[in-house]
N, C-alpha and C. Protein backbone atom coordinates (compact mmCIF):
# COMPACT_ATOMS: atom_id res chain seq x y z
N MET A 1 -41.23 -14.69 8.30
CA MET A 1 -39.79 -14.70 8.03
C MET A 1 -39.48 -13.96 6.74
N THR A 2 -40.33 -14.18 5.73
CA THR A 2 -40.15 -13.50 4.44
C THR A 2 -40.30 -12.00 4.60
N ASP A 3 -41.26 -11.58 5.42
CA ASP A 3 -41.47 -10.15 5.65
C ASP A 3 -40.25 -9.51 6.32
N ILE A 4 -39.65 -10.22 7.27
CA ILE A 4 -38.46 -9.70 7.95
C ILE A 4 -37.31 -9.55 6.97
N LYS A 5 -37.10 -10.56 6.13
CA LYS A 5 -36.02 -10.51 5.15
C LYS A 5 -36.24 -9.38 4.15
N THR A 6 -37.49 -9.19 3.74
CA THR A 6 -37.81 -8.10 2.81
C THR A 6 -37.55 -6.76 3.45
N SER A 7 -37.91 -6.60 4.72
CA SER A 7 -37.68 -5.35 5.43
C SER A 7 -36.19 -5.07 5.57
N ILE A 8 -35.40 -6.11 5.84
CA ILE A 8 -33.95 -5.93 5.95
C ILE A 8 -33.36 -5.49 4.63
N LYS A 9 -33.82 -6.07 3.53
CA LYS A 9 -33.30 -5.69 2.22
C LYS A 9 -33.70 -4.26 1.85
N ARG A 10 -34.83 -3.82 2.35
CA ARG A 10 -35.26 -2.44 2.08
C ARG A 10 -34.49 -1.43 2.91
N HIS A 11 -34.09 -1.84 4.10
CA HIS A 11 -33.39 -0.93 5.01
C HIS A 11 -32.10 -1.58 5.52
N PRO A 12 -31.16 -1.87 4.63
CA PRO A 12 -29.96 -2.60 5.06
C PRO A 12 -29.07 -1.82 6.01
N VAL A 13 -28.95 -0.51 5.80
CA VAL A 13 -28.04 0.27 6.64
C VAL A 13 -28.63 0.44 8.04
N LEU A 14 -29.91 0.74 8.12
CA LEU A 14 -30.55 0.85 9.43
C LEU A 14 -30.46 -0.46 10.19
N THR A 15 -30.68 -1.56 9.48
CA THR A 15 -30.55 -2.87 10.10
C THR A 15 -29.12 -3.12 10.56
N TYR A 16 -28.16 -2.66 9.76
CA TYR A 16 -26.76 -2.84 10.12
C TYR A 16 -26.42 -2.10 11.41
N PHE A 17 -26.84 -0.84 11.51
CA PHE A 17 -26.58 -0.07 12.73
C PHE A 17 -27.17 -0.78 13.95
N ALA A 18 -28.43 -1.21 13.82
CA ALA A 18 -29.10 -1.86 14.96
C ALA A 18 -28.41 -3.17 15.35
N LEU A 19 -28.05 -3.97 14.34
CA LEU A 19 -27.42 -5.26 14.62
C LEU A 19 -26.02 -5.07 15.21
N THR A 20 -25.29 -4.06 14.72
CA THR A 20 -23.96 -3.79 15.24
C THR A 20 -24.02 -3.43 16.72
N PHE A 21 -24.95 -2.53 17.08
CA PHE A 21 -25.10 -2.16 18.49
C PHE A 21 -25.53 -3.36 19.32
N ALA A 22 -26.43 -4.17 18.79
CA ALA A 22 -26.92 -5.32 19.54
C ALA A 22 -25.81 -6.32 19.83
N ILE A 23 -24.99 -6.62 18.81
CA ILE A 23 -23.91 -7.58 18.98
C ILE A 23 -22.85 -7.03 19.93
N SER A 24 -22.42 -5.78 19.68
CA SER A 24 -21.35 -5.20 20.48
C SER A 24 -21.75 -5.03 21.94
N TRP A 25 -22.87 -4.35 22.16
CA TRP A 25 -23.26 -4.08 23.54
C TRP A 25 -23.87 -5.29 24.23
N GLY A 26 -24.46 -6.19 23.44
CA GLY A 26 -24.91 -7.44 24.03
C GLY A 26 -23.73 -8.25 24.54
N GLY A 27 -22.63 -8.25 23.73
CA GLY A 27 -21.42 -8.94 24.16
C GLY A 27 -20.82 -8.32 25.41
N VAL A 28 -20.82 -6.98 25.47
CA VAL A 28 -20.27 -6.29 26.65
C VAL A 28 -21.07 -6.65 27.90
N LEU A 29 -22.38 -6.63 27.77
CA LEU A 29 -23.23 -6.94 28.93
C LEU A 29 -23.03 -8.38 29.38
N LEU A 30 -22.82 -9.28 28.42
CA LEU A 30 -22.57 -10.67 28.79
C LEU A 30 -21.24 -10.80 29.53
N VAL A 31 -20.23 -10.03 29.08
CA VAL A 31 -18.92 -10.10 29.71
C VAL A 31 -18.93 -9.55 31.12
N ILE A 32 -19.50 -8.33 31.27
CA ILE A 32 -19.41 -7.69 32.59
C ILE A 32 -20.57 -8.06 33.51
N GLY A 33 -21.61 -8.65 32.95
CA GLY A 33 -22.75 -9.01 33.80
C GLY A 33 -23.06 -10.48 33.75
N GLY A 34 -22.01 -11.30 33.58
CA GLY A 34 -22.18 -12.74 33.47
C GLY A 34 -22.55 -13.39 34.79
N PRO A 35 -22.27 -14.68 34.91
CA PRO A 35 -22.65 -15.42 36.13
C PRO A 35 -22.10 -14.81 37.40
N GLY A 36 -20.91 -14.20 37.32
CA GLY A 36 -20.32 -13.63 38.52
C GLY A 36 -20.81 -12.24 38.87
N GLY A 37 -21.67 -11.67 38.03
CA GLY A 37 -22.16 -10.32 38.27
C GLY A 37 -21.15 -9.27 37.83
N ILE A 38 -21.51 -8.01 37.94
CA ILE A 38 -20.63 -6.92 37.53
C ILE A 38 -19.43 -6.84 38.46
N PRO A 39 -18.20 -6.81 37.92
CA PRO A 39 -17.01 -6.79 38.78
C PRO A 39 -16.96 -5.56 39.66
N ALA A 40 -16.41 -5.77 40.87
CA ALA A 40 -16.46 -4.69 41.85
C ALA A 40 -15.10 -4.08 42.15
N ASN A 41 -14.00 -4.68 41.65
CA ASN A 41 -12.70 -4.12 41.97
C ASN A 41 -11.83 -4.00 40.72
N THR A 42 -10.72 -3.28 40.87
CA THR A 42 -9.84 -2.98 39.75
C THR A 42 -9.26 -4.22 39.11
N GLU A 43 -8.86 -5.20 39.91
CA GLU A 43 -8.25 -6.41 39.38
C GLU A 43 -9.23 -7.17 38.48
N GLN A 44 -10.47 -7.27 38.89
CA GLN A 44 -11.47 -7.96 38.08
C GLN A 44 -11.71 -7.21 36.77
N LEU A 45 -11.75 -5.88 36.86
CA LEU A 45 -11.97 -5.08 35.66
C LEU A 45 -10.83 -5.22 34.67
N GLU A 46 -9.60 -5.27 35.16
CA GLU A 46 -8.45 -5.42 34.28
C GLU A 46 -8.49 -6.75 33.55
N LEU A 47 -8.96 -7.78 34.22
CA LEU A 47 -9.06 -9.09 33.59
C LEU A 47 -10.12 -9.11 32.50
N LEU A 48 -11.20 -8.39 32.72
CA LEU A 48 -12.32 -8.41 31.77
C LEU A 48 -12.19 -7.39 30.64
N LEU A 49 -11.37 -6.36 30.83
CA LEU A 49 -11.31 -5.28 29.86
C LEU A 49 -10.97 -5.74 28.45
N PRO A 50 -10.00 -6.65 28.23
CA PRO A 50 -9.73 -7.11 26.86
C PRO A 50 -10.95 -7.74 26.19
N PHE A 51 -11.75 -8.47 26.98
CA PHE A 51 -12.94 -9.11 26.43
C PHE A 51 -14.02 -8.08 26.11
N VAL A 52 -14.08 -7.02 26.92
CA VAL A 52 -15.01 -5.92 26.65
C VAL A 52 -14.66 -5.26 25.33
N VAL A 53 -13.38 -4.96 25.14
CA VAL A 53 -12.94 -4.32 23.90
C VAL A 53 -13.20 -5.24 22.71
N LEU A 54 -12.93 -6.53 22.87
CA LEU A 54 -13.19 -7.49 21.78
C LEU A 54 -14.66 -7.51 21.42
N ALA A 55 -15.52 -7.55 22.43
CA ALA A 55 -16.97 -7.56 22.17
C ALA A 55 -17.40 -6.31 21.42
N LEU A 56 -16.84 -5.16 21.81
CA LEU A 56 -17.20 -3.91 21.15
C LEU A 56 -16.74 -3.87 19.70
N THR A 57 -15.56 -4.42 19.43
CA THR A 57 -14.99 -4.27 18.09
C THR A 57 -15.47 -5.31 17.09
N ILE A 58 -15.92 -6.48 17.53
CA ILE A 58 -16.33 -7.48 16.56
C ILE A 58 -17.73 -7.23 16.01
N GLY A 59 -18.53 -6.42 16.71
CA GLY A 59 -19.90 -6.18 16.25
C GLY A 59 -20.01 -5.69 14.82
N PRO A 60 -19.26 -4.64 14.42
CA PRO A 60 -19.38 -4.12 13.05
C PRO A 60 -19.12 -5.16 11.98
N SER A 61 -18.05 -5.94 12.12
CA SER A 61 -17.71 -6.91 11.08
C SER A 61 -18.67 -8.09 11.05
N VAL A 62 -19.04 -8.59 12.23
CA VAL A 62 -19.98 -9.71 12.27
C VAL A 62 -21.30 -9.30 11.64
N ALA A 63 -21.78 -8.11 11.97
CA ALA A 63 -23.03 -7.61 11.39
C ALA A 63 -22.88 -7.43 9.88
N GLY A 64 -21.74 -6.89 9.44
CA GLY A 64 -21.52 -6.68 8.00
C GLY A 64 -21.51 -7.98 7.22
N ILE A 65 -20.83 -8.99 7.74
CA ILE A 65 -20.75 -10.28 7.05
C ILE A 65 -22.12 -10.96 7.01
N LEU A 66 -22.82 -10.96 8.14
CA LEU A 66 -24.15 -11.58 8.19
C LEU A 66 -25.12 -10.91 7.22
N LEU A 67 -25.13 -9.59 7.21
CA LEU A 67 -26.07 -8.88 6.35
C LEU A 67 -25.68 -8.94 4.87
N THR A 68 -24.38 -9.01 4.60
CA THR A 68 -23.96 -9.19 3.21
C THR A 68 -24.50 -10.50 2.67
N GLY A 69 -24.37 -11.56 3.45
CA GLY A 69 -24.90 -12.85 3.03
C GLY A 69 -26.41 -12.84 2.89
N LEU A 70 -27.09 -12.15 3.80
CA LEU A 70 -28.55 -12.12 3.77
C LEU A 70 -29.08 -11.24 2.65
N VAL A 71 -28.47 -10.08 2.45
CA VAL A 71 -28.97 -9.11 1.46
C VAL A 71 -28.48 -9.44 0.05
N ASP A 72 -27.20 -9.79 -0.08
CA ASP A 72 -26.60 -9.97 -1.41
C ASP A 72 -26.28 -11.42 -1.77
N GLY A 73 -26.44 -12.33 -0.82
CA GLY A 73 -26.22 -13.73 -1.11
C GLY A 73 -24.76 -14.10 -1.32
N GLY A 74 -24.54 -15.28 -1.94
CA GLY A 74 -23.20 -15.77 -2.18
C GLY A 74 -22.34 -14.82 -3.02
N PRO A 75 -22.86 -14.31 -4.14
CA PRO A 75 -22.06 -13.37 -4.94
C PRO A 75 -21.63 -12.13 -4.15
N GLY A 76 -22.51 -11.66 -3.27
CA GLY A 76 -22.17 -10.51 -2.45
C GLY A 76 -21.05 -10.81 -1.48
N LEU A 77 -21.06 -12.01 -0.88
CA LEU A 77 -19.99 -12.40 0.04
C LEU A 77 -18.65 -12.52 -0.69
N ARG A 78 -18.69 -13.07 -1.91
CA ARG A 78 -17.44 -13.19 -2.68
C ARG A 78 -16.88 -11.81 -3.03
N GLU A 79 -17.76 -10.89 -3.40
CA GLU A 79 -17.32 -9.53 -3.71
C GLU A 79 -16.82 -8.83 -2.45
N PHE A 80 -17.47 -9.08 -1.34
CA PHE A 80 -17.06 -8.53 -0.05
C PHE A 80 -15.63 -8.95 0.27
N LEU A 81 -15.33 -10.24 0.15
CA LEU A 81 -14.00 -10.76 0.44
C LEU A 81 -12.97 -10.24 -0.57
N ALA A 82 -13.39 -10.10 -1.83
CA ALA A 82 -12.47 -9.60 -2.85
C ALA A 82 -12.07 -8.16 -2.57
N ARG A 83 -13.01 -7.35 -2.07
CA ARG A 83 -12.70 -5.95 -1.77
C ARG A 83 -11.74 -5.82 -0.59
N LEU A 84 -11.75 -6.79 0.32
CA LEU A 84 -10.82 -6.75 1.45
C LEU A 84 -9.37 -6.90 1.00
N ARG A 85 -9.16 -7.56 -0.14
CA ARG A 85 -7.81 -7.82 -0.63
C ARG A 85 -7.37 -6.82 -1.71
N ARG A 86 -8.23 -5.89 -2.05
CA ARG A 86 -7.96 -4.98 -3.16
C ARG A 86 -7.30 -3.70 -2.68
N TRP A 87 -6.15 -3.36 -3.23
CA TRP A 87 -5.46 -2.10 -2.94
C TRP A 87 -5.97 -1.05 -3.92
N ARG A 88 -6.59 0.00 -3.38
CA ARG A 88 -7.22 1.00 -4.24
C ARG A 88 -6.29 2.16 -4.59
N VAL A 89 -5.33 2.44 -3.72
CA VAL A 89 -4.43 3.56 -3.96
C VAL A 89 -3.00 3.12 -3.69
N ASP A 90 -2.04 3.99 -4.03
CA ASP A 90 -0.64 3.69 -3.80
C ASP A 90 -0.37 3.56 -2.30
N ALA A 91 0.65 2.75 -1.97
CA ALA A 91 0.96 2.46 -0.57
C ALA A 91 1.26 3.72 0.23
N ARG A 92 1.83 4.75 -0.42
CA ARG A 92 2.18 5.95 0.34
C ARG A 92 0.95 6.65 0.89
N TRP A 93 -0.20 6.49 0.23
CA TRP A 93 -1.41 7.13 0.74
C TRP A 93 -1.93 6.39 1.96
N TYR A 94 -1.69 5.10 2.02
CA TYR A 94 -2.04 4.35 3.23
C TYR A 94 -1.18 4.83 4.39
N ALA A 95 0.08 5.11 4.10
CA ALA A 95 0.97 5.63 5.15
C ALA A 95 0.48 6.98 5.65
N VAL A 96 0.03 7.83 4.72
CA VAL A 96 -0.50 9.14 5.11
C VAL A 96 -1.73 8.96 6.00
N ALA A 97 -2.62 8.05 5.60
CA ALA A 97 -3.85 7.83 6.37
C ALA A 97 -3.56 7.27 7.76
N LEU A 98 -2.55 6.40 7.86
CA LEU A 98 -2.24 5.76 9.14
C LEU A 98 -1.47 6.68 10.07
N LEU A 99 -0.62 7.53 9.51
CA LEU A 99 0.26 8.35 10.35
C LEU A 99 -0.34 9.70 10.73
N THR A 100 -1.22 10.23 9.91
CA THR A 100 -1.76 11.57 10.17
C THR A 100 -2.49 11.67 11.52
N PRO A 101 -3.44 10.78 11.84
CA PRO A 101 -4.15 10.91 13.13
C PRO A 101 -3.23 10.87 14.35
N PRO A 102 -2.31 9.88 14.47
CA PRO A 102 -1.46 9.89 15.67
C PRO A 102 -0.53 11.09 15.74
N LEU A 103 -0.04 11.56 14.59
CA LEU A 103 0.84 12.73 14.61
C LEU A 103 0.08 13.99 15.04
N LEU A 104 -1.15 14.15 14.54
CA LEU A 104 -1.97 15.29 14.94
C LEU A 104 -2.32 15.21 16.42
N ALA A 105 -2.67 14.00 16.88
CA ALA A 105 -3.02 13.83 18.29
C ALA A 105 -1.82 14.14 19.18
N THR A 106 -0.64 13.67 18.76
CA THR A 106 0.57 13.93 19.55
C THR A 106 0.88 15.42 19.60
N ALA A 107 0.76 16.10 18.46
CA ALA A 107 1.01 17.55 18.42
C ALA A 107 0.03 18.29 19.33
N THR A 108 -1.24 17.86 19.29
CA THR A 108 -2.25 18.50 20.14
C THR A 108 -1.94 18.28 21.62
N LEU A 109 -1.54 17.06 21.98
CA LEU A 109 -1.22 16.77 23.37
C LEU A 109 0.01 17.54 23.84
N PHE A 110 0.99 17.70 22.94
CA PHE A 110 2.16 18.48 23.30
C PHE A 110 1.77 19.93 23.58
N ALA A 111 0.87 20.46 22.77
CA ALA A 111 0.41 21.83 22.99
C ALA A 111 -0.32 21.96 24.32
N LEU A 112 -1.16 20.97 24.62
CA LEU A 112 -1.88 20.99 25.89
C LEU A 112 -0.93 20.76 27.07
N ALA A 113 0.15 20.01 26.84
CA ALA A 113 1.11 19.75 27.91
C ALA A 113 1.80 21.02 28.38
N LEU A 114 1.75 22.06 27.57
CA LEU A 114 2.33 23.34 28.00
C LEU A 114 1.53 23.95 29.14
N THR A 115 0.27 23.54 29.24
CA THR A 115 -0.59 24.05 30.32
C THR A 115 -0.60 23.12 31.52
N SER A 116 -0.40 21.82 31.26
CA SER A 116 -0.41 20.84 32.36
C SER A 116 0.35 19.59 31.93
N PRO A 117 1.21 19.04 32.77
CA PRO A 117 1.97 17.83 32.40
C PRO A 117 1.12 16.58 32.25
N VAL A 118 -0.12 16.62 32.71
CA VAL A 118 -0.96 15.43 32.59
C VAL A 118 -1.28 15.11 31.13
N PHE A 119 -1.12 16.10 30.25
CA PHE A 119 -1.41 15.89 28.84
C PHE A 119 -0.22 15.34 28.06
N LEU A 120 0.93 15.21 28.69
CA LEU A 120 2.10 14.71 28.00
C LEU A 120 1.84 13.29 27.50
N PRO A 121 2.04 13.03 26.20
CA PRO A 121 1.80 11.68 25.67
C PRO A 121 2.51 10.61 26.49
N GLY A 122 1.80 9.54 26.78
CA GLY A 122 2.31 8.51 27.67
C GLY A 122 3.61 7.89 27.21
N ILE A 123 3.82 7.83 25.90
CA ILE A 123 5.03 7.18 25.40
C ILE A 123 6.29 7.92 25.82
N PHE A 124 6.18 9.24 26.03
CA PHE A 124 7.35 10.02 26.42
C PHE A 124 7.62 9.91 27.92
N ALA A 125 6.64 9.47 28.69
CA ALA A 125 6.82 9.32 30.13
C ALA A 125 7.08 7.87 30.53
N SER A 126 6.93 6.95 29.56
CA SER A 126 7.09 5.53 29.86
C SER A 126 8.56 5.12 29.87
N ASP A 127 8.88 4.15 30.72
CA ASP A 127 10.24 3.60 30.76
C ASP A 127 10.45 2.53 29.69
N ASP A 128 9.33 2.00 29.16
CA ASP A 128 9.41 0.96 28.14
C ASP A 128 8.69 1.44 26.89
N LYS A 129 9.29 2.38 26.19
CA LYS A 129 8.66 3.03 25.04
C LYS A 129 8.38 2.06 23.90
N ALA A 130 9.32 1.16 23.63
CA ALA A 130 9.16 0.24 22.50
C ALA A 130 7.94 -0.67 22.69
N SER A 131 7.81 -1.24 23.87
CA SER A 131 6.68 -2.14 24.13
C SER A 131 5.36 -1.40 24.08
N LEU A 132 5.34 -0.18 24.63
CA LEU A 132 4.11 0.61 24.63
C LEU A 132 3.71 0.98 23.21
N LEU A 133 4.69 1.39 22.40
CA LEU A 133 4.40 1.75 21.02
C LEU A 133 3.93 0.54 20.22
N LEU A 134 4.59 -0.59 20.40
CA LEU A 134 4.21 -1.80 19.68
C LEU A 134 2.81 -2.26 20.06
N SER A 135 2.50 -2.23 21.35
CA SER A 135 1.17 -2.66 21.79
C SER A 135 0.11 -1.70 21.27
N GLY A 136 0.43 -0.41 21.19
CA GLY A 136 -0.52 0.55 20.65
C GLY A 136 -0.79 0.32 19.17
N ILE A 137 0.28 0.01 18.41
CA ILE A 137 0.12 -0.27 16.98
C ILE A 137 -0.72 -1.52 16.77
N ILE A 138 -0.42 -2.56 17.55
CA ILE A 138 -1.17 -3.81 17.43
C ILE A 138 -2.64 -3.60 17.77
N ALA A 139 -2.90 -2.85 18.85
CA ALA A 139 -4.29 -2.58 19.25
C ALA A 139 -5.02 -1.82 18.15
N GLY A 140 -4.35 -0.83 17.54
CA GLY A 140 -4.99 -0.06 16.47
C GLY A 140 -5.28 -0.91 15.25
N LEU A 141 -4.32 -1.77 14.89
CA LEU A 141 -4.52 -2.63 13.72
C LEU A 141 -5.64 -3.64 13.96
N VAL A 142 -5.63 -4.23 15.15
CA VAL A 142 -6.67 -5.22 15.47
C VAL A 142 -8.05 -4.56 15.46
N GLY A 143 -8.14 -3.37 16.06
CA GLY A 143 -9.42 -2.65 16.06
C GLY A 143 -9.89 -2.35 14.65
N GLY A 144 -8.96 -1.88 13.80
CA GLY A 144 -9.33 -1.58 12.42
C GLY A 144 -9.75 -2.81 11.64
N LEU A 145 -9.02 -3.92 11.84
CA LEU A 145 -9.34 -5.15 11.12
C LEU A 145 -10.70 -5.70 11.54
N PHE A 146 -11.06 -5.53 12.80
CA PHE A 146 -12.35 -6.02 13.26
C PHE A 146 -13.50 -5.10 12.84
N GLU A 147 -13.27 -3.80 12.88
CA GLU A 147 -14.36 -2.85 12.64
C GLU A 147 -14.57 -2.51 11.17
N GLU A 148 -13.50 -2.19 10.46
CA GLU A 148 -13.65 -1.62 9.13
C GLU A 148 -14.30 -2.51 8.08
N PRO A 149 -14.11 -3.82 8.12
CA PRO A 149 -14.84 -4.64 7.14
C PRO A 149 -16.35 -4.44 7.20
N GLY A 150 -16.85 -4.10 8.38
CA GLY A 150 -18.29 -3.84 8.50
C GLY A 150 -18.66 -2.45 8.04
N TRP A 151 -17.96 -1.42 8.59
CA TRP A 151 -18.31 -0.04 8.25
C TRP A 151 -18.05 0.27 6.78
N THR A 152 -16.80 0.06 6.34
CA THR A 152 -16.46 0.41 4.96
C THR A 152 -16.73 -0.71 3.98
N GLY A 153 -16.96 -1.93 4.50
CA GLY A 153 -17.26 -3.04 3.61
C GLY A 153 -18.73 -3.24 3.36
N PHE A 154 -19.57 -2.78 4.28
CA PHE A 154 -21.02 -2.95 4.09
C PHE A 154 -21.77 -1.62 4.12
N ALA A 155 -21.64 -0.89 5.24
CA ALA A 155 -22.45 0.33 5.41
C ALA A 155 -22.15 1.38 4.34
N VAL A 156 -20.86 1.66 4.12
CA VAL A 156 -20.50 2.71 3.16
C VAL A 156 -20.96 2.38 1.73
N PRO A 157 -20.69 1.17 1.20
CA PRO A 157 -21.18 0.87 -0.15
C PRO A 157 -22.70 0.98 -0.29
N LYS A 158 -23.43 0.54 0.72
CA LYS A 158 -24.89 0.64 0.64
C LYS A 158 -25.34 2.10 0.64
N LEU A 159 -24.73 2.92 1.48
CA LEU A 159 -25.07 4.34 1.50
C LEU A 159 -24.69 5.03 0.21
N ARG A 160 -23.57 4.63 -0.39
CA ARG A 160 -23.12 5.27 -1.63
C ARG A 160 -24.05 4.99 -2.80
N GLN A 161 -24.91 3.99 -2.67
CA GLN A 161 -25.89 3.73 -3.71
C GLN A 161 -26.96 4.81 -3.77
N ARG A 162 -27.10 5.56 -2.66
CA ARG A 162 -28.13 6.61 -2.60
C ARG A 162 -27.56 8.00 -2.37
N TYR A 163 -26.39 8.07 -1.74
CA TYR A 163 -25.86 9.39 -1.35
C TYR A 163 -24.45 9.59 -1.88
N GLY A 164 -24.03 10.85 -1.88
CA GLY A 164 -22.68 11.20 -2.28
C GLY A 164 -21.69 10.90 -1.18
N VAL A 165 -20.41 11.15 -1.48
CA VAL A 165 -19.35 10.86 -0.53
C VAL A 165 -19.51 11.66 0.76
N PHE A 166 -19.81 12.95 0.62
CA PHE A 166 -19.90 13.81 1.80
C PHE A 166 -21.05 13.39 2.71
N THR A 167 -22.22 13.16 2.13
CA THR A 167 -23.38 12.76 2.93
C THR A 167 -23.16 11.39 3.58
N THR A 168 -22.55 10.48 2.83
CA THR A 168 -22.24 9.17 3.39
C THR A 168 -21.32 9.29 4.59
N GLY A 169 -20.30 10.13 4.46
CA GLY A 169 -19.38 10.35 5.57
C GLY A 169 -20.07 10.91 6.79
N LEU A 170 -21.00 11.85 6.56
CA LEU A 170 -21.73 12.43 7.68
C LEU A 170 -22.59 11.40 8.39
N ILE A 171 -23.26 10.55 7.62
CA ILE A 171 -24.14 9.54 8.22
C ILE A 171 -23.33 8.53 9.02
N VAL A 172 -22.26 8.01 8.43
CA VAL A 172 -21.43 7.03 9.12
C VAL A 172 -20.76 7.66 10.34
N GLY A 173 -20.31 8.91 10.18
CA GLY A 173 -19.62 9.58 11.27
C GLY A 173 -20.52 9.95 12.44
N SER A 174 -21.75 10.38 12.12
CA SER A 174 -22.65 10.85 13.17
C SER A 174 -23.51 9.75 13.77
N CYS A 175 -23.91 8.80 12.94
CA CYS A 175 -24.82 7.75 13.42
C CYS A 175 -24.13 6.43 13.67
N GLY A 176 -22.93 6.30 13.18
CA GLY A 176 -22.30 5.00 13.26
C GLY A 176 -20.96 5.01 13.92
N GLU A 177 -19.93 4.77 13.12
CA GLU A 177 -18.59 4.44 13.60
C GLU A 177 -18.01 5.48 14.53
N ARG A 178 -17.88 6.74 14.09
CA ARG A 178 -17.18 7.73 14.90
C ARG A 178 -18.11 8.45 15.87
N GLY A 179 -19.32 8.79 15.37
CA GLY A 179 -20.20 9.61 16.19
C GLY A 179 -20.65 8.94 17.46
N THR A 180 -20.73 7.60 17.45
CA THR A 180 -21.19 6.92 18.65
C THR A 180 -20.20 7.13 19.78
N SER A 181 -18.93 7.18 19.44
CA SER A 181 -17.80 7.17 20.39
C SER A 181 -18.07 6.19 21.52
N LEU A 182 -18.90 5.21 21.19
CA LEU A 182 -19.17 4.14 22.14
C LEU A 182 -18.21 2.98 21.90
N TRP A 183 -17.38 3.14 20.91
CA TRP A 183 -16.35 2.16 20.56
C TRP A 183 -15.00 2.78 20.82
N PRO A 184 -14.04 2.36 21.56
CA PRO A 184 -14.31 1.50 22.71
C PRO A 184 -14.48 2.32 23.97
N SER A 185 -14.49 3.65 23.82
CA SER A 185 -14.58 4.50 25.01
C SER A 185 -15.89 4.31 25.74
N GLY A 186 -16.92 3.89 24.99
CA GLY A 186 -18.19 3.64 25.65
C GLY A 186 -18.09 2.50 26.63
N GLY A 187 -17.24 1.50 26.29
CA GLY A 187 -17.03 0.42 27.24
C GLY A 187 -16.42 0.92 28.52
N ALA A 188 -15.50 1.87 28.39
CA ALA A 188 -14.88 2.44 29.58
C ALA A 188 -15.88 3.21 30.41
N ALA A 189 -16.92 3.73 29.75
CA ALA A 189 -17.93 4.49 30.49
C ALA A 189 -18.70 3.61 31.46
N LEU A 190 -18.65 2.30 31.22
CA LEU A 190 -19.35 1.39 32.12
C LEU A 190 -18.53 1.10 33.38
N LEU A 191 -17.25 1.48 33.34
CA LEU A 191 -16.38 1.18 34.46
C LEU A 191 -16.45 2.28 35.50
N PRO A 192 -16.26 1.95 36.76
CA PRO A 192 -16.29 2.97 37.80
C PRO A 192 -15.09 3.90 37.69
N GLU A 193 -15.17 5.04 38.35
CA GLU A 193 -14.13 6.06 38.26
C GLU A 193 -12.78 5.55 38.73
N SER A 194 -12.77 4.60 39.65
CA SER A 194 -11.51 4.11 40.19
C SER A 194 -10.80 3.14 39.26
N SER A 195 -11.44 2.72 38.18
CA SER A 195 -10.83 1.73 37.31
C SER A 195 -9.80 2.35 36.39
N PRO A 196 -8.83 1.54 35.93
CA PRO A 196 -7.76 2.03 35.08
C PRO A 196 -8.21 2.11 33.64
N ARG A 197 -9.00 3.12 33.28
CA ARG A 197 -9.59 3.19 31.95
C ARG A 197 -8.54 3.17 30.84
N CYS A 198 -7.87 4.30 30.65
CA CYS A 198 -6.97 4.41 29.52
C CYS A 198 -5.64 3.73 29.77
N SER A 199 -5.25 3.59 31.02
CA SER A 199 -3.95 2.99 31.28
C SER A 199 -3.91 1.52 30.87
N SER A 200 -5.07 0.89 30.77
CA SER A 200 -5.10 -0.50 30.36
C SER A 200 -5.29 -0.64 28.87
N CYS A 201 -5.48 0.44 28.15
CA CYS A 201 -5.68 0.41 26.72
C CYS A 201 -4.45 0.97 26.04
N PRO A 202 -3.59 0.11 25.46
CA PRO A 202 -2.33 0.57 24.92
C PRO A 202 -2.47 1.60 23.82
N SER A 203 -3.54 1.50 23.02
CA SER A 203 -3.67 2.46 21.94
C SER A 203 -3.92 3.86 22.44
N PHE A 204 -4.47 3.98 23.66
CA PHE A 204 -4.68 5.30 24.26
C PHE A 204 -3.47 5.74 25.07
N SER A 205 -2.91 4.81 25.85
CA SER A 205 -1.84 5.20 26.74
C SER A 205 -0.57 5.55 25.99
N SER A 206 -0.42 5.08 24.74
CA SER A 206 0.77 5.43 23.98
C SER A 206 0.67 6.82 23.40
N MET A 207 -0.52 7.41 23.44
CA MET A 207 -0.67 8.77 22.91
C MET A 207 -0.20 9.80 23.91
């Protein structure tokens, strides 16, 4: 047991990546491959999809909290929680960070819509724009709240102890959070072609 703990402390980021994948994908497999077996029709998939997304998104934070306690102990957990409540920059920069990705995505989709109407952002084709937009915002916030405490609360600080900002971003982007693209689109990859992949995910369908 001591050897395992020592190994984890020596390789906290590698352990974090492995534990995150294990929790997230283990949860997905439990959801879709439980006592009833893998669902075979669209209705069953729609019922299970929220639980699949939840399983995928809780892995990073659960792994981050567990490893913070194991690697840094009580003081590390207190510092971890303190950083969650700390505003590092002015509020307007948070607005820039939150609004830039959806605005760029919308502009890109509008450009692609000139070639085919299938690329038209869903919010412009929906009859209930307010509900779709609200559900998309809620889905994005929930995903961020579940994922980011792990990625930016544990993995990034540990990497910054050895690497610069650029290298840290490359490692997290390519090996972890963004590069995997297994969150949550990877969950959709488990669904058959006939399933309502993006239409059941408000954060995607509002784009």
